[in-house]
Amino acid sequence: METFIAMNYIGNRYALQNNTLNNLLPAIFQIDAGISRRFQMNTNSALKVAFVVKNITNQYNQYIRYFVLPGINYQIKLSYEIR
């Protein structure tokens, strides 16, 4: 079983090419955390299941003016590995 925490900090930036105060976007600090488990099927294959909670800090992470990314959201990933 694996666990992880990812912390991202994005400083002040500008929404458009003009670096004016009207286009200034605030800095954000975002935290993601997850857990995954790998199940060995046979000697050549495995199944991996992962669950991730993204943006735990529920930051308003607008990176282009009028284009907002979601608040707290969840991801479930299922992958099949062949060696």
N, C-alpha and C. Protein backbone atom coordinates (compact mmCIF):
# COMPACT_ATOMS: atom_id res chain seq x y z
N MET A 1 0.85 -1.17 0.00
CA MET A 1 0.00 0.00 0.00
C MET A 1 0.90 1.24 0.00
N GLU A 2 0.55 2.21 -0.79
CA GLU A 2 1.31 3.45 -0.89
C GLU A 2 0.40 4.63 -0.54
N THR A 3 0.97 5.60 0.12
CA THR A 3 0.26 6.85 0.38
C THR A 3 1.14 8.00 -0.08
N PHE A 4 0.52 9.12 -0.39
CA PHE A 4 1.30 10.28 -0.80
C PHE A 4 0.58 11.57 -0.46
N ILE A 5 1.36 12.62 -0.34
CA ILE A 5 0.84 13.98 -0.19
C ILE A 5 1.63 14.85 -1.14
N ALA A 6 0.92 15.65 -1.93
CA ALA A 6 1.56 16.58 -2.85
C ALA A 6 1.14 18.00 -2.48
N MET A 7 2.11 18.86 -2.30
CA MET A 7 1.83 20.26 -1.96
C MET A 7 2.34 21.15 -3.09
N ASN A 8 1.48 22.00 -3.60
CA ASN A 8 1.83 22.90 -4.70
C ASN A 8 1.60 24.34 -4.28
N TYR A 9 2.58 25.17 -4.54
CA TYR A 9 2.45 26.60 -4.31
C TYR A 9 2.66 27.31 -5.63
N ILE A 10 1.72 28.15 -6.00
CA ILE A 10 1.84 28.95 -7.21
C ILE A 10 1.73 30.40 -6.77
N GLY A 11 2.77 31.16 -7.03
CA GLY A 11 2.81 32.56 -6.60
C GLY A 11 1.90 33.43 -7.45
N ASN A 12 1.96 34.71 -7.18
CA ASN A 12 1.16 35.66 -7.96
C ASN A 12 1.48 35.53 -9.44
N ARG A 13 0.47 35.63 -10.26
CA ARG A 13 0.63 35.53 -11.71
C ARG A 13 -0.41 36.40 -12.37
N TYR A 14 -0.33 36.50 -13.67
CA TYR A 14 -1.23 37.38 -14.41
C TYR A 14 -2.10 36.56 -15.34
N ALA A 15 -3.36 36.96 -15.45
CA ALA A 15 -4.33 36.22 -16.25
C ALA A 15 -4.14 36.45 -17.75
N LEU A 16 -3.68 37.60 -18.12
CA LEU A 16 -3.51 37.93 -19.53
C LEU A 16 -2.08 38.40 -19.76
N GLN A 17 -1.73 38.69 -20.99
CA GLN A 17 -0.37 39.09 -21.31
C GLN A 17 0.03 40.43 -20.70
N ASN A 18 -0.92 41.30 -20.46
CA ASN A 18 -0.62 42.60 -19.86
C ASN A 18 -0.43 42.42 -18.36
N ASN A 19 0.74 42.75 -17.85
CA ASN A 19 1.03 42.61 -16.42
C ASN A 19 0.56 43.85 -15.67
N THR A 20 -0.76 43.96 -15.55
CA THR A 20 -1.35 45.08 -14.83
C THR A 20 -2.08 44.56 -13.60
N LEU A 21 -2.41 45.44 -12.66
CA LEU A 21 -3.11 45.02 -11.45
C LEU A 21 -4.47 44.41 -11.74
N ASN A 22 -5.11 44.83 -12.82
CA ASN A 22 -6.42 44.25 -13.18
C ASN A 22 -6.30 42.78 -13.56
N ASN A 23 -5.15 42.35 -14.04
CA ASN A 23 -4.94 40.97 -14.48
C ASN A 23 -4.24 40.11 -13.44
N LEU A 24 -3.93 40.67 -12.27
CA LEU A 24 -3.21 39.95 -11.23
C LEU A 24 -4.10 38.90 -10.58
N LEU A 25 -3.59 37.67 -10.48
CA LEU A 25 -4.29 36.59 -9.79
C LEU A 25 -3.54 36.28 -8.50
N PRO A 26 -4.23 35.98 -7.42
CA PRO A 26 -3.56 35.73 -6.14
C PRO A 26 -2.81 34.40 -6.13
N ALA A 27 -1.85 34.29 -5.21
CA ALA A 27 -1.10 33.05 -5.03
C ALA A 27 -2.02 31.98 -4.42
N ILE A 28 -1.70 30.71 -4.68
CA ILE A 28 -2.49 29.62 -4.11
C ILE A 28 -1.55 28.56 -3.52
N PHE A 29 -2.02 27.88 -2.49
CA PHE A 29 -1.31 26.75 -1.89
C PHE A 29 -2.30 25.59 -1.88
N GLN A 30 -1.99 24.56 -2.65
CA GLN A 30 -2.92 23.46 -2.84
C GLN A 30 -2.29 22.16 -2.34
N ILE A 31 -3.10 21.33 -1.66
CA ILE A 31 -2.64 20.05 -1.14
C ILE A 31 -3.51 18.93 -1.72
N ASP A 32 -2.84 17.88 -2.22
CA ASP A 32 -3.50 16.67 -2.69
C ASP A 32 -2.97 15.50 -1.85
N ALA A 33 -3.83 14.52 -1.58
CA ALA A 33 -3.40 13.33 -0.84
C ALA A 33 -4.08 12.11 -1.43
N GLY A 34 -3.39 10.99 -1.37
CA GLY A 34 -3.97 9.79 -1.95
C GLY A 34 -3.40 8.52 -1.37
N ILE A 35 -4.04 7.43 -1.75
CA ILE A 35 -3.62 6.11 -1.32
C ILE A 35 -3.83 5.16 -2.51
N SER A 36 -2.92 4.20 -2.65
CA SER A 36 -3.07 3.23 -3.73
C SER A 36 -2.66 1.85 -3.24
N ARG A 37 -3.17 0.87 -3.92
CA ARG A 37 -2.86 -0.52 -3.57
C ARG A 37 -2.70 -1.31 -4.85
N ARG A 38 -1.70 -2.15 -4.87
CA ARG A 38 -1.40 -2.99 -6.04
C ARG A 38 -1.73 -4.44 -5.69
N PHE A 39 -2.50 -5.08 -6.56
CA PHE A 39 -2.88 -6.49 -6.38
C PHE A 39 -2.21 -7.31 -7.48
N GLN A 40 -1.34 -8.22 -7.10
CA GLN A 40 -0.66 -9.07 -8.07
C GLN A 40 -1.64 -10.13 -8.58
N MET A 41 -1.86 -10.15 -9.88
CA MET A 41 -2.79 -11.12 -10.47
C MET A 41 -2.08 -12.45 -10.73
N ASN A 42 -0.96 -12.38 -11.42
CA ASN A 42 -0.09 -13.54 -11.65
C ASN A 42 1.33 -13.00 -11.83
N THR A 43 2.25 -13.78 -12.33
CA THR A 43 3.64 -13.32 -12.42
C THR A 43 3.84 -12.20 -13.43
N ASN A 44 2.93 -12.04 -14.38
CA ASN A 44 3.11 -11.04 -15.44
C ASN A 44 2.15 -9.86 -15.39
N SER A 45 1.20 -9.86 -14.47
CA SER A 45 0.22 -8.77 -14.47
C SER A 45 -0.20 -8.41 -13.05
N ALA A 46 -0.67 -7.18 -12.94
CA ALA A 46 -1.14 -6.68 -11.64
C ALA A 46 -2.24 -5.66 -11.87
N LEU A 47 -3.06 -5.48 -10.87
CA LEU A 47 -4.14 -4.51 -10.89
C LEU A 47 -3.82 -3.46 -9.82
N LYS A 48 -3.92 -2.19 -10.17
CA LYS A 48 -3.62 -1.12 -9.22
C LYS A 48 -4.85 -0.23 -9.08
N VAL A 49 -5.24 0.05 -7.82
CA VAL A 49 -6.38 0.90 -7.51
C VAL A 49 -5.85 2.08 -6.69
N ALA A 50 -6.25 3.29 -7.09
CA ALA A 50 -5.81 4.48 -6.38
C ALA A 50 -7.00 5.40 -6.11
N PHE A 51 -6.97 6.05 -4.96
CA PHE A 51 -7.99 7.03 -4.58
C PHE A 51 -7.27 8.30 -4.16
N VAL A 52 -7.62 9.43 -4.77
CA VAL A 52 -6.94 10.69 -4.52
C VAL A 52 -7.97 11.76 -4.17
N VAL A 53 -7.68 12.55 -3.15
CA VAL A 53 -8.48 13.73 -2.82
C VAL A 53 -7.65 14.92 -3.27
N LYS A 54 -8.17 15.69 -4.19
CA LYS A 54 -7.45 16.82 -4.74
C LYS A 54 -7.96 18.14 -4.16
N ASN A 55 -7.07 19.07 -3.99
CA ASN A 55 -7.38 20.42 -3.51
C ASN A 55 -8.05 20.37 -2.13
N ILE A 56 -7.41 19.67 -1.19
CA ILE A 56 -7.94 19.54 0.16
C ILE A 56 -8.13 20.91 0.81
N THR A 57 -7.27 21.85 0.49
CA THR A 57 -7.36 23.20 1.06
C THR A 57 -8.49 24.02 0.44
N ASN A 58 -9.17 23.45 -0.55
CA ASN A 58 -10.31 24.09 -1.22
C ASN A 58 -9.97 25.51 -1.70
N GLN A 59 -8.82 25.63 -2.34
CA GLN A 59 -8.38 26.91 -2.86
C GLN A 59 -9.15 27.28 -4.13
N TYR A 60 -9.38 28.54 -4.25
CA TYR A 60 -9.99 29.08 -5.47
C TYR A 60 -8.83 29.27 -6.44
N ASN A 61 -8.52 28.22 -7.21
CA ASN A 61 -7.32 28.22 -8.02
C ASN A 61 -7.60 28.61 -9.47
N GLN A 62 -7.94 29.84 -9.65
CA GLN A 62 -8.18 30.39 -10.98
C GLN A 62 -6.82 30.63 -11.64
N TYR A 63 -6.57 30.00 -12.77
CA TYR A 63 -5.27 30.24 -13.39
C TYR A 63 -5.37 31.05 -14.67
N ILE A 64 -6.54 31.19 -15.23
CA ILE A 64 -6.78 32.12 -16.33
C ILE A 64 -8.09 32.81 -15.99
N ARG A 65 -8.15 34.08 -16.19
CA ARG A 65 -9.36 34.83 -15.83
C ARG A 65 -10.61 34.15 -16.39
N TYR A 66 -11.60 33.99 -15.56
CA TYR A 66 -12.90 33.39 -15.89
C TYR A 66 -12.83 31.88 -16.14
N PHE A 67 -11.71 31.23 -15.87
CA PHE A 67 -11.62 29.77 -16.00
C PHE A 67 -11.23 29.22 -14.65
N VAL A 68 -12.19 28.73 -13.90
CA VAL A 68 -11.96 28.29 -12.52
C VAL A 68 -11.88 26.78 -12.48
N LEU A 69 -10.89 26.27 -11.77
CA LEU A 69 -10.78 24.84 -11.55
C LEU A 69 -11.65 24.47 -10.35
N PRO A 70 -12.06 23.21 -10.24
CA PRO A 70 -12.97 22.83 -9.16
C PRO A 70 -12.34 22.93 -7.78
N GLY A 71 -13.19 23.01 -6.77
CA GLY A 71 -12.72 23.00 -5.38
C GLY A 71 -12.25 21.60 -5.02
N ILE A 72 -12.63 21.12 -3.86
CA ILE A 72 -12.24 19.77 -3.45
C ILE A 72 -12.89 18.79 -4.42
N ASN A 73 -12.07 17.87 -4.95
CA ASN A 73 -12.61 16.86 -5.85
C ASN A 73 -11.88 15.55 -5.65
N TYR A 74 -12.45 14.48 -6.17
CA TYR A 74 -11.97 13.14 -5.90
C TYR A 74 -11.64 12.44 -7.21
N GLN A 75 -10.65 11.54 -7.16
CA GLN A 75 -10.25 10.79 -8.34
C GLN A 75 -10.06 9.33 -7.93
N ILE A 76 -10.64 8.44 -8.69
CA ILE A 76 -10.42 7.02 -8.51
C ILE A 76 -9.81 6.51 -9.80
N LYS A 77 -8.68 5.82 -9.67
CA LYS A 77 -7.96 5.35 -10.85
C LYS A 77 -7.77 3.86 -10.74
N LEU A 78 -8.08 3.16 -11.81
CA LEU A 78 -7.93 1.73 -11.89
C LEU A 78 -7.01 1.44 -13.07
N SER A 79 -5.90 0.75 -12.85
CA SER A 79 -4.98 0.45 -13.95
C SER A 79 -4.57 -1.01 -13.92
N TYR A 80 -4.32 -1.53 -15.10
CA TYR A 80 -3.91 -2.92 -15.26
C TYR A 80 -2.50 -2.92 -15.84
N GLU A 81 -1.57 -3.57 -15.17
CA GLU A 81 -0.18 -3.56 -15.58
C GLU A 81 0.22 -4.94 -16.12
N ILE A 82 0.92 -4.91 -17.25
CA ILE A 82 1.44 -6.13 -17.85
C ILE A 82 2.94 -5.97 -17.99
N ARG A 83 3.68 -6.97 -17.55
CA ARG A 83 5.15 -6.93 -17.67
C ARG A 83 5.62 -7.70 -18.86
